[in-house]
PDB file of N, CA and C in Angstrom:
ATOM      1  N   UNK A   1       0.837  -1.158   0.000  1.00  0.00           N
ATOM      2  CA  UNK A   1       0.000   0.000   0.000  1.00  0.00           C
ATOM      3  C   UNK A   1       0.883   1.222   0.000  1.00  0.00           C
ATOM      4  N   UNK A   2       1.343   1.871   0.871  1.00  0.00           N
ATOM      5  CA  UNK A   2       2.242   3.003   0.713  1.00  0.00           C
ATOM      6  C   UNK A   2       3.654   2.541   0.421  1.00  0.00           C
ATOM      7  N   UNK A   3       4.506   3.464   0.069  1.00  0.00           N
ATOM      8  CA  UNK A   3       5.914   3.130  -0.149  1.00  0.00           C
ATOM      9  C   UNK A   3       6.599   3.037   1.210  1.00  0.00           C
ATOM     10  N   UNK A   4       6.722   1.833   1.690  1.00  0.00           N
ATOM     11  CA  UNK A   4       7.321   1.614   3.004  1.00  0.00           C
ATOM     12  C   UNK A   4       8.672   0.940   2.845  1.00  0.00           C
ATOM     13  N   UNK A   5       9.705   1.598   3.347  1.00  0.00           N
ATOM     14  CA  UNK A   5      11.023   0.972   3.305  1.00  0.00           C
ATOM     15  C   UNK A   5      11.153   0.080   4.536  1.00  0.00           C
ATOM     16  N   UNK A   6      11.852  -1.039   4.401  1.00  0.00           N
ATOM     17  CA  UNK A   6      12.007  -1.922   5.557  1.00  0.00           C
ATOM     18  C   UNK A   6      12.813  -1.240   6.664  1.00  0.00           C
ATOM     19  N   UNK A   7      12.472  -1.563   7.890  1.00  0.00           N
ATOM     20  CA  UNK A   7      13.216  -1.021   9.018  1.00  0.00           C
ATOM     21  C   UNK A   7      14.635  -1.573   9.012  1.00  0.00           C
ATOM     22  N   UNK A   8      15.588  -0.720   9.280  1.00  0.00           N
ATOM     23  CA  UNK A   8      16.986  -1.167   9.358  1.00  0.00           C
ATOM     24  C   UNK A   8      17.129  -2.062  10.583  1.00  0.00           C
ATOM     25  N   UNK A   9      17.750  -3.190  10.406  1.00  0.00           N
ATOM     26  CA  UNK A   9      17.953  -4.076  11.542  1.00  0.00           C
ATOM     27  C   UNK A   9      19.054  -3.534  12.438  1.00  0.00           C
ATOM     28  N   UNK A  10      18.938  -3.857  13.690  1.00  0.00           N
ATOM     29  CA  UNK A  10      19.925  -3.390  14.664  1.00  0.00           C
ATOM     30  C   UNK A  10      21.142  -4.309  14.642  1.00  0.00           C
ATOM     31  N   UNK A  11      22.301  -3.757  14.963  1.00  0.00           N
ATOM     32  CA  UNK A  11      23.487  -4.619  15.043  1.00  0.00           C
ATOM     33  C   UNK A  11      23.353  -5.583  16.218  1.00  0.00           C
ATOM     34  N   UNK A  12      23.946  -6.731  16.075  1.00  0.00           N
ATOM     35  CA  UNK A  12      23.971  -7.744  17.123  1.00  0.00           C
ATOM     36  C   UNK A  12      25.406  -7.853  17.618  1.00  0.00           C
ATOM     37  N   UNK A  13      25.593  -7.706  18.934  1.00  0.00           N
ATOM     38  CA  UNK A  13      26.918  -7.802  19.525  1.00  0.00           C
ATOM     39  C   UNK A  13      26.984  -9.042  20.399  1.00  0.00           C
ATOM     40  N   UNK A  14      28.031  -9.833  20.218  1.00  0.00           N
ATOM     41  CA  UNK A  14      28.225 -11.050  21.000  1.00  0.00           C
ATOM     42  C   UNK A  14      29.530 -10.952  21.774  1.00  0.00           C
ATOM     43  N   UNK A  15      29.466 -11.283  23.048  1.00  0.00           N
ATOM     44  CA  UNK A  15      30.670 -11.363  23.875  1.00  0.00           C
ATOM     45  C   UNK A  15      31.259 -12.754  23.676  1.00  0.00           C
ATOM     46  N   UNK A  16      32.396 -12.810  22.993  1.00  0.00           N
ATOM     47  CA  UNK A  16      32.997 -14.102  22.678  1.00  0.00           C
ATOM     48  C   UNK A  16      34.118 -14.467  23.641  1.00  0.00           C
ATOM     49  N   UNK A  17      34.572 -13.505  24.409  1.00  0.00           N
ATOM     50  CA  UNK A  17      35.583 -13.722  25.451  1.00  0.00           C
ATOM     51  C   UNK A  17      35.517 -12.518  26.381  1.00  0.00           C
ATOM     52  N   UNK A  18      36.101 -12.628  27.553  1.00  0.00           N
ATOM     53  CA  UNK A  18      36.102 -11.516  28.486  1.00  0.00           C
ATOM     54  C   UNK A  18      36.806 -10.318  27.853  1.00  0.00           C
ATOM     55  N   UNK A  19      36.063  -9.221  27.698  1.00  0.00           N
ATOM     56  CA  UNK A  19      36.648  -8.010  27.126  1.00  0.00           C
ATOM     57  C   UNK A  19      36.741  -8.009  25.617  1.00  0.00           C
ATOM     58  N   UNK A  20      35.988  -8.879  24.938  1.00  0.00           N
ATOM     59  CA  UNK A  20      36.060  -8.961  23.474  1.00  0.00           C
ATOM     60  C   UNK A  20      34.658  -9.178  22.915  1.00  0.00           C
ATOM     61  N   UNK A  21      34.196  -8.232  22.087  1.00  0.00           N
ATOM     62  CA  UNK A  21      32.868  -8.303  21.483  1.00  0.00           C
ATOM     63  C   UNK A  21      32.992  -8.260  19.969  1.00  0.00           C
ATOM     64  N   UNK A  22      32.123  -9.026  19.307  1.00  0.00           N
ATOM     65  CA  UNK A  22      32.083  -9.081  17.848  1.00  0.00           C
ATOM     66  C   UNK A  22      30.704  -8.611  17.405  1.00  0.00           C
ATOM     67  N   UNK A  23      30.671  -7.747  16.398  1.00  0.00           N
ATOM     68  CA  UNK A  23      29.405  -7.208  15.909  1.00  0.00           C
ATOM     69  C   UNK A  23      29.049  -7.708  14.527  1.00  0.00           C
ATOM     70  N   UNK A  24      27.739  -7.872  14.324  1.00  0.00           N
ATOM     71  CA  UNK A  24      27.243  -8.255  13.008  1.00  0.00           C
ATOM     72  C   UNK A  24      25.873  -7.616  12.791  1.00  0.00           C
ATOM     73  N   UNK A  25      25.474  -7.570  11.538  1.00  0.00           N
ATOM     74  CA  UNK A  25      24.135  -7.099  11.179  1.00  0.00           C
ATOM     75  C   UNK A  25      23.676  -7.952  10.004  1.00  0.00           C
ATOM     76  N   UNK A  26      22.535  -8.573  10.164  1.00  0.00           N
ATOM     77  CA  UNK A  26      21.975  -9.431   9.111  1.00  0.00           C
ATOM     78  C   UNK A  26      22.990 -10.450   8.612  1.00  0.00           C
ATOM     79  N   UNK A  27      23.804 -10.983   9.516  1.00  0.00           N
ATOM     80  CA  UNK A  27      24.781 -12.002   9.164  1.00  0.00           C
ATOM     81  C   UNK A  27      26.089 -11.478   8.604  1.00  0.00           C
ATOM     82  N   UNK A  28      26.223 -10.158   8.449  1.00  0.00           N
ATOM     83  CA  UNK A  28      27.461  -9.574   7.937  1.00  0.00           C
ATOM     84  C   UNK A  28      28.307  -9.054   9.093  1.00  0.00           C
ATOM     85  N   UNK A  29      29.577  -9.372   9.069  1.00  0.00           N
ATOM     86  CA  UNK A  29      30.519  -8.954  10.098  1.00  0.00           C
ATOM     87  C   UNK A  29      30.728  -7.443  10.035  1.00  0.00           C
ATOM     88  N   UNK A  30      30.579  -6.769  11.186  1.00  0.00           N
ATOM     89  CA  UNK A  30      30.782  -5.319  11.256  1.00  0.00           C
ATOM     90  C   UNK A  30      32.169  -4.949  11.746  1.00  0.00           C
ATOM     91  N   UNK A  31      32.667  -5.704  12.732  1.00  0.00           N
ATOM     92  CA  UNK A  31      33.933  -5.392  13.370  1.00  0.00           C
ATOM     93  C   UNK A  31      33.916  -5.903  14.793  1.00  0.00           C
ATOM     94  N   UNK A  32      34.848  -5.419  15.594  1.00  0.00           N
ATOM     95  CA  UNK A  32      34.933  -5.902  16.968  1.00  0.00           C
ATOM     96  C   UNK A  32      35.517  -4.844  17.877  1.00  0.00           C
ATOM     97  N   UNK A  33      35.332  -5.046  19.171  1.00  0.00           N
ATOM     98  CA  UNK A  33      35.935  -4.173  20.175  1.00  0.00           C
ATOM     99  C   UNK A  33      36.677  -5.047  21.170  1.00  0.00           C
ATOM    100  N   UNK A  34      37.797  -4.539  21.637  1.00  0.00           N
ATOM    101  CA  UNK A  34      38.693  -5.311  22.494  1.00  0.00           C
ATOM    102  C   UNK A  34      39.186  -4.420  23.633  1.00  0.00           C
ATOM    103  N   UNK A  35      39.004  -4.880  24.873  1.00  0.00           N
ATOM    104  CA  UNK A  35      39.485  -4.106  26.020  1.00  0.00           C
ATOM    105  C   UNK A  35      41.005  -4.204  26.097  1.00  0.00           C
ATOM    106  N   UNK A  36      41.660  -3.057  26.233  1.00  0.00           N
ATOM    107  CA  UNK A  36      43.109  -2.972  26.307  1.00  0.00           C
ATOM    108  C   UNK A  36      43.577  -3.071  27.758  1.00  0.00           C
ATOM    109  N   UNK A  37      44.859  -3.284  27.956  1.00  0.00           N
ATOM    110  CA  UNK A  37      45.432  -3.424  29.299  1.00  0.00           C
ATOM    111  C   UNK A  37      45.192  -2.195  30.168  1.00  0.00           C
ATOM    112  N   UNK A  38      45.090  -1.011  29.539  1.00  0.00           N
ATOM    113  CA  UNK A  38      44.868   0.220  30.304  1.00  0.00           C
ATOM    114  C   UNK A  38      43.389   0.476  30.599  1.00  0.00           C
ATOM    115  N   UNK A  39      42.506  -0.449  30.181  1.00  0.00           N
ATOM    116  CA  UNK A  39      41.082  -0.319  30.439  1.00  0.00           C
ATOM    117  C   UNK A  39      40.298   0.341  29.322  1.00  0.00           C
ATOM    118  N   UNK A  40      40.981   0.919  28.348  1.00  0.00           N
ATOM    119  CA  UNK A  40      40.300   1.522  27.199  1.00  0.00           C
ATOM    120  C   UNK A  40      39.784   0.416  26.284  1.00  0.00           C
ATOM    121  N   UNK A  41      38.807   0.771  25.472  1.00  0.00           N
ATOM    122  CA  UNK A  41      38.220  -0.171  24.517  1.00  0.00           C
ATOM    123  C   UNK A  41      38.612   0.246  23.115  1.00  0.00           C
ATOM    124  N   UNK A  42      39.324  -0.617  22.409  1.00  0.00           N
ATOM    125  CA  UNK A  42      39.757  -0.332  21.042  1.00  0.00           C
ATOM    126  C   UNK A  42      38.741  -0.922  20.073  1.00  0.00           C
ATOM    127  N   UNK A  43      38.291  -0.085  19.127  1.00  0.00           N
ATOM    128  CA  UNK A  43      37.323  -0.497  18.117  1.00  0.00           C
ATOM    129  C   UNK A  43      38.046  -0.798  16.809  1.00  0.00           C
ATOM    130  N   UNK A  44      37.598  -1.845  16.132  1.00  0.00           N
ATOM    131  CA  UNK A  44      38.162  -2.261  14.848  1.00  0.00           C
ATOM    132  C   UNK A  44      37.039  -2.434  13.835  1.00  0.00           C
ATOM    133  N   UNK A  45      37.299  -2.074  12.591  1.00  0.00           N
ATOM    134  CA  UNK A  45      36.292  -2.247  11.547  1.00  0.00           C
ATOM    135  C   UNK A  45      36.300  -3.682  11.029  1.00  0.00           C
ATOM    136  N   UNK A  46      35.536  -3.921   9.977  1.00  0.00           N
ATOM    137  CA  UNK A  46      35.360  -5.275   9.450  1.00  0.00           C
ATOM    138  C   UNK A  46      36.618  -5.869   8.834  1.00  0.00           C
ATOM    139  N   UNK A  47      37.619  -5.047   8.542  1.00  0.00           N
ATOM    140  CA  UNK A  47      38.876  -5.565   7.997  1.00  0.00           C
ATOM    141  C   UNK A  47      40.020  -5.384   8.998  1.00  0.00           C
ATOM    142  N   UNK A  48      39.643  -5.301  10.282  1.00  0.00           N
ATOM    143  CA  UNK A  48      40.582  -5.242  11.409  1.00  0.00           C
ATOM    144  C   UNK A  48      41.451  -3.995  11.457  1.00  0.00           C
ATOM    145  N   UNK A  49      40.987  -2.898  10.848  1.00  0.00           N
ATOM    146  CA  UNK A  49      41.676  -1.612  10.991  1.00  0.00           C
ATOM    147  C   UNK A  49      41.196  -0.951  12.268  1.00  0.00           C
ATOM    148  N   UNK A  50      42.124  -0.443  13.045  1.00  0.00           N
ATOM    149  CA  UNK A  50      41.771   0.246  14.279  1.00  0.00           C
ATOM    150  C   UNK A  50      41.021   1.536  13.962  1.00  0.00           C
ATOM    151  N   UNK A  51      39.895   1.737  14.645  1.00  0.00           N
ATOM    152  CA  UNK A  51      39.096   2.948  14.489  1.00  0.00           C
ATOM    153  C   UNK A  51      39.478   3.961  15.557  1.00  0.00           C
ATOM    154  N   UNK A  52      39.744   3.475  16.776  1.00  0.00           N
ATOM    155  CA  UNK A  52      40.099   4.371  17.861  1.00  0.00           C
ATOM    156  C   UNK A  52      39.882   3.720  19.207  1.00  0.00           C
ATOM    157  N   UNK A  53      40.271   4.424  20.255  1.00  0.00           N
ATOM    158  CA  UNK A  53      40.118   3.952  21.631  1.00  0.00           C
ATOM    159  C   UNK A  53      39.019   4.757  22.317  1.00  0.00           C
ATOM    160  N   UNK A  54      38.237   4.075  23.142  1.00  0.00           N
ATOM    161  CA  UNK A  54      37.069   4.675  23.780  1.00  0.00           C
ATOM    162  C   UNK A  54      37.034   4.285  25.251  1.00  0.00           C
ATOM    163  N   UNK A  55      36.402   5.138  26.044  1.00  0.00           N
ATOM    164  CA  UNK A  55      36.362   4.934  27.493  1.00  0.00           C
ATOM    165  C   UNK A  55      35.477   3.759  27.903  1.00  0.00           C
ATOM    166  N   UNK A  56      34.484   3.426  27.098  1.00  0.00           N
ATOM    167  CA  UNK A  56      33.637   2.273  27.437  1.00  0.00           C
ATOM    168  C   UNK A  56      33.263   1.509  26.177  1.00  0.00           C
ATOM    169  N   UNK A  57      32.815   0.283  26.374  1.00  0.00           N
ATOM    170  CA  UNK A  57      32.557  -0.574  25.222  1.00  0.00           C
ATOM    171  C   UNK A  57      31.346  -0.111  24.416  1.00  0.00           C
ATOM    172  N   UNK A  58      30.400   0.577  25.029  1.00  0.00           N
ATOM    173  CA  UNK A  58      29.245   1.069  24.277  1.00  0.00           C
ATOM    174  C   UNK A  58      29.673   2.108  23.232  1.00  0.00           C
ATOM    175  N   UNK A  59      30.573   2.989  23.598  1.00  0.00           N
ATOM    176  CA  UNK A  59      31.059   3.993  22.638  1.00  0.00           C
ATOM    177  C   UNK A  59      31.886   3.332  21.538  1.00  0.00           C
ATOM    178  N   UNK A  60      32.665   2.337  21.907  1.00  0.00           N
ATOM    179  CA  UNK A  60      33.456   1.620  20.900  1.00  0.00           C
ATOM    180  C   UNK A  60      32.537   0.891  19.923  1.00  0.00           C
ATOM    181  N   UNK A  61      31.489   0.270  20.437  1.00  0.00           N
ATOM    182  CA  UNK A  61      30.528  -0.421  19.569  1.00  0.00           C
ATOM    183  C   UNK A  61      29.835   0.575  18.637  1.00  0.00           C
ATOM    184  N   UNK A  62      29.467   1.723  19.168  1.00  0.00           N
ATOM    185  CA  UNK A  62      28.826   2.750  18.346  1.00  0.00           C
ATOM    186  C   UNK A  62      29.764   3.208  17.226  1.00  0.00           C
ATOM    187  N   UNK A  63      31.045   3.315  17.525  1.00  0.00           N
ATOM    188  CA  UNK A  63      32.021   3.719  16.508  1.00  0.00           C
ATOM    189  C   UNK A  63      32.098   2.681  15.390  1.00  0.00           C
ATOM    190  N   UNK A  64      32.084   1.412  15.767  1.00  0.00           N
ATOM    191  CA  UNK A  64      32.116   0.341  14.751  1.00  0.00           C
ATOM    192  C   UNK A  64      30.862   0.407  13.904  1.00  0.00           C
ATOM    193  N   UNK A  65      29.717   0.571  14.533  1.00  0.00           N
ATOM    194  CA  UNK A  65      28.451   0.609  13.810  1.00  0.00           C
ATOM    195  C   UNK A  65      28.396   1.817  12.880  1.00  0.00           C
ATOM    196  N   UNK A  66      28.866   2.969  13.344  1.00  0.00           N
ATOM    197  CA  UNK A  66      28.888   4.177  12.534  1.00  0.00           C
ATOM    198  C   UNK A  66      29.838   4.011  11.346  1.00  0.00           C
ATOM    199  N   UNK A  67      30.943   3.345  11.577  1.00  0.00           N
ATOM    200  CA  UNK A  67      31.983   3.163  10.560  1.00  0.00           C
ATOM    201  C   UNK A  67      31.583   2.142   9.504  1.00  0.00           C
ATOM    202  N   UNK A  68      30.554   1.360   9.780  1.00  0.00           N
ATOM    203  CA  UNK A  68      30.135   0.274   8.901  1.00  0.00           C
ATOM    204  C   UNK A  68      30.044   0.704   7.440  1.00  0.00           C
ATOM    205  N   UNK A  69      29.427   1.824   7.159  1.00  0.00           N
ATOM    206  CA  UNK A  69      29.270   2.281   5.786  1.00  0.00           C
ATOM    207  C   UNK A  69      30.548   2.812   5.165  1.00  0.00           C
ATOM    208  N   UNK A  70      31.582   3.048   5.977  1.00  0.00           N
ATOM    209  CA  UNK A  70      32.839   3.612   5.486  1.00  0.00           C
ATOM    210  C   UNK A  70      33.844   2.555   5.062  1.00  0.00           C
ATOM    211  N   UNK A  71      33.596   1.275   5.385  1.00  0.00           N
ATOM    212  CA  UNK A  71      34.568   0.221   5.099  1.00  0.00           C
ATOM    213  C   UNK A  71      34.765   0.088   3.598  1.00  0.00           C
ATOM    214  N   UNK A  72      36.025  -0.207   3.228  1.00  0.00           N
ATOM    215  CA  UNK A  72      36.291  -0.463   1.825  1.00  0.00           C
ATOM    216  C   UNK A  72      37.213   0.471   1.308  1.00  0.00           C
TER     217      UNK A  72
END
């Protein structure tokens, strides 16, 4: 009936080890975040390039999700 675009699915984050999370969306790998020895969280894109360090894992995850469209 109207022109309805499908809702964007939310990223799914899985804790695969203590201090290590992997993100995906619709089965596609987004990247990961890894807690560093100093307590900071380092974010990586889908090809393992470092995006940056963040004070908490939620901000690191947001950086990976935001960066998703920039990969390549």
